[in-house]
C-alpha atoms as a PDB file:
ATOM      1  CA  UNK A   1      26.954  20.702 -18.310  1.00  0.00           C
ATOM      2  CA  UNK A   2      28.572  19.139 -15.270  1.00  0.00           C
ATOM      3  CA  UNK A   3      27.774  22.181 -13.119  1.00  0.00           C
ATOM      4  CA  UNK A   4      24.069  21.937 -14.002  1.00  0.00           C
ATOM      5  CA  UNK A   5      24.040  18.253 -13.096  1.00  0.00           C
ATOM      6  CA  UNK A   6      25.655  18.987  -9.721  1.00  0.00           C
ATOM      7  CA  UNK A   7      23.123  21.733  -9.080  1.00  0.00           C
ATOM      8  CA  UNK A   8      20.213  19.449  -9.946  1.00  0.00           C
ATOM      9  CA  UNK A   9      21.581  16.686  -7.715  1.00  0.00           C
ATOM     10  CA  UNK A  10      22.033  19.107  -4.829  1.00  0.00           C
ATOM     11  CA  UNK A  11      18.538  20.521  -5.282  1.00  0.00           C
ATOM     12  CA  UNK A  12      17.017  17.036  -5.247  1.00  0.00           C
ATOM     13  CA  UNK A  13      19.025  16.066  -2.172  1.00  0.00           C
ATOM     14  CA  UNK A  14      17.598  19.104  -0.399  1.00  0.00           C
ATOM     15  CA  UNK A  15      14.029  18.981  -1.762  1.00  0.00           C
ATOM     16  CA  UNK A  16      13.249  15.317  -1.075  1.00  0.00           C
ATOM     17  CA  UNK A  17      13.755  15.429   2.719  1.00  0.00           C
ATOM     18  CA  UNK A  18      11.897  18.754   2.917  1.00  0.00           C
ATOM     19  CA  UNK A  19       8.904  17.373   1.012  1.00  0.00           C
ATOM     20  CA  UNK A  20       8.994  14.213   3.151  1.00  0.00           C
ATOM     21  CA  UNK A  21       8.955  16.312   6.335  1.00  0.00           C
ATOM     22  CA  UNK A  22       6.091  18.503   5.096  1.00  0.00           C
ATOM     23  CA  UNK A  23       3.994  15.448   4.201  1.00  0.00           C
ATOM     24  CA  UNK A  24       4.541  13.900   7.656  1.00  0.00           C
ATOM     25  CA  UNK A  25       3.669  17.176   9.379  1.00  0.00           C
ATOM     26  CA  UNK A  26       0.406  17.363   7.426  1.00  0.00           C
ATOM     27  CA  UNK A  27      -0.374  13.725   8.241  1.00  0.00           C
ATOM     28  CA  UNK A  28       0.376  14.409  11.914  1.00  0.00           C
ATOM     29  CA  UNK A  29      -1.970  17.404  11.975  1.00  0.00           C
ATOM     30  CA  UNK A  30      -4.725  15.326  10.370  1.00  0.00           C
ATOM     31  CA  UNK A  31      -4.243  12.449  12.849  1.00  0.00           C
ATOM     32  CA  UNK A  32      -4.279  14.869  15.805  1.00  0.00           C
ATOM     33  CA  UNK A  33      -7.481  16.612  14.663  1.00  0.00           C
ATOM     34  CA  UNK A  34      -9.215  13.368  13.713  1.00  0.00           C
ATOM     35  CA  UNK A  35      -8.353  11.710  17.038  1.00  0.00           C
ATOM     36  CA  UNK A  36      -9.558  14.740  19.024  1.00  0.00           C
ATOM     37  CA  UNK A  37     -12.840  14.849  17.068  1.00  0.00           C
ATOM     38  CA  UNK A  38     -13.421  11.185  17.904  1.00  0.00           C
ATOM     39  CA  UNK A  39     -12.779  11.622  21.633  1.00  0.00           C
ATOM     40  CA  UNK A  40      -9.310  10.034  21.617  1.00  0.00           C
ATOM     41  CA  UNK A  41      -6.032  11.570  22.779  1.00  0.00           C
ATOM     42  CA  UNK A  42      -4.721  13.545  19.817  1.00  0.00           C
ATOM     43  CA  UNK A  43      -1.238  14.074  21.234  1.00  0.00           C
ATOM     44  CA  UNK A  44      -0.820  10.355  21.980  1.00  0.00           C
ATOM     45  CA  UNK A  45      -1.735   9.382  18.416  1.00  0.00           C
ATOM     46  CA  UNK A  46       0.451  12.153  17.019  1.00  0.00           C
ATOM     47  CA  UNK A  47       3.439  10.723  18.895  1.00  0.00           C
ATOM     48  CA  UNK A  48       2.595   7.160  17.796  1.00  0.00           C
ATOM     49  CA  UNK A  49       2.410   8.237  14.136  1.00  0.00           C
ATOM     50  CA  UNK A  50       5.688  10.175  14.271  1.00  0.00           C
ATOM     51  CA  UNK A  51       7.529   7.317  15.985  1.00  0.00           C
ATOM     52  CA  UNK A  52       6.113   4.430  13.932  1.00  0.00           C
ATOM     53  CA  UNK A  53       5.453   6.310  10.651  1.00  0.00           C
ATOM     54  CA  UNK A  54       3.329   4.256   8.237  1.00  0.00           C
ATOM     55  CA  UNK A  55       2.810   1.455  10.786  1.00  0.00           C
ATOM     56  CA  UNK A  56       1.460   4.072  13.232  1.00  0.00           C
ATOM     57  CA  UNK A  57      -1.024   5.366  10.653  1.00  0.00           C
ATOM     58  CA  UNK A  58      -2.222   1.832   9.908  1.00  0.00           C
ATOM     59  CA  UNK A  59      -2.643   1.104  13.632  1.00  0.00           C
ATOM     60  CA  UNK A  60      -4.525   4.387  14.123  1.00  0.00           C
ATOM     61  CA  UNK A  61      -6.873   3.700  11.213  1.00  0.00           C
ATOM     62  CA  UNK A  62      -7.651   0.238  12.597  1.00  0.00           C
ATOM     63  CA  UNK A  63      -8.245   1.150  16.256  1.00  0.00           C
ATOM     64  CA  UNK A  64      -9.669   4.686  16.037  1.00  0.00           C
ATOM     65  CA  UNK A  65     -13.238   5.177  17.277  1.00  0.00           C
ATOM     66  CA  UNK A  66     -15.707   4.729  14.449  1.00  0.00           C
ATOM     67  CA  UNK A  67     -18.026   7.599  15.387  1.00  0.00           C
ATOM     68  CA  UNK A  68     -17.105  11.235  15.908  1.00  0.00           C
ATOM     69  CA  UNK A  69     -18.121  12.776  19.233  1.00  0.00           C
ATOM     70  CA  UNK A  70     -21.456  14.596  19.107  1.00  0.00           C
ATOM     71  CA  UNK A  71     -22.472  13.222  15.714  1.00  0.00           C
ATOM     72  CA  UNK A  72     -25.528  10.948  15.663  1.00  0.00           C
ATOM     73  CA  UNK A  73     -25.101   7.568  13.954  1.00  0.00           C
ATOM     74  CA  UNK A  74     -26.194   7.298  10.311  1.00  0.00           C
ATOM     75  CA  UNK A  75     -29.921   6.803   9.939  1.00  0.00           C
ATOM     76  CA  UNK A  76     -30.696   8.280  13.369  1.00  0.00           C
ATOM     77  CA  UNK A  77     -33.893  10.274  13.640  1.00  0.00           C
ATOM     78  CA  UNK A  78     -35.344  11.624  16.894  1.00  0.00           C
ATOM     79  CA  UNK A  79     -38.672  10.117  17.962  1.00  0.00           C
ATOM     80  CA  UNK A  80     -41.756  11.861  16.544  1.00  0.00           C
ATOM     81  CA  UNK A  81     -42.938  14.783  18.638  1.00  0.00           C
ATOM     82  CA  UNK A  82     -39.478  15.481  20.098  1.00  0.00           C
ATOM     83  CA  UNK A  83     -38.716  19.219  20.077  1.00  0.00           C
ATOM     84  CA  UNK A  84     -35.609  20.284  18.186  1.00  0.00           C
ATOM     85  CA  UNK A  85     -32.485  20.782  20.294  1.00  0.00           C
ATOM     86  CA  UNK A  86     -32.075  24.259  21.745  1.00  0.00           C
ATOM     87  CA  UNK A  87     -28.863  26.244  21.476  1.00  0.00           C
ATOM     88  CA  UNK A  88     -27.261  27.067  24.832  1.00  0.00           C
ATOM     89  CA  UNK A  89     -27.957  30.626  26.016  1.00  0.00           C
ATOM     90  CA  UNK A  90     -25.168  33.130  25.373  1.00  0.00           C
ATOM     91  CA  UNK A  91     -23.011  33.956  28.360  1.00  0.00           C
END
């Protein structure tokens, strides 16, 4: 009985920090990709989030650009008679 309890305690002591680290890595990847897609410095925000943890995420969510780069604002429609955008020629 006591051996099983020690094993369970040891497993929890190992698993909790590992899960915590995995969650923060996933959050960091999301922050990096989201910042880059919005035209901000992904590496800067990644560092801020890893240093400040939850405070860094809150700051990022407050100050991040509202619109992603290359995406028209909601409700945007080109003027009538405008030709559709052309794809760039292959190189």
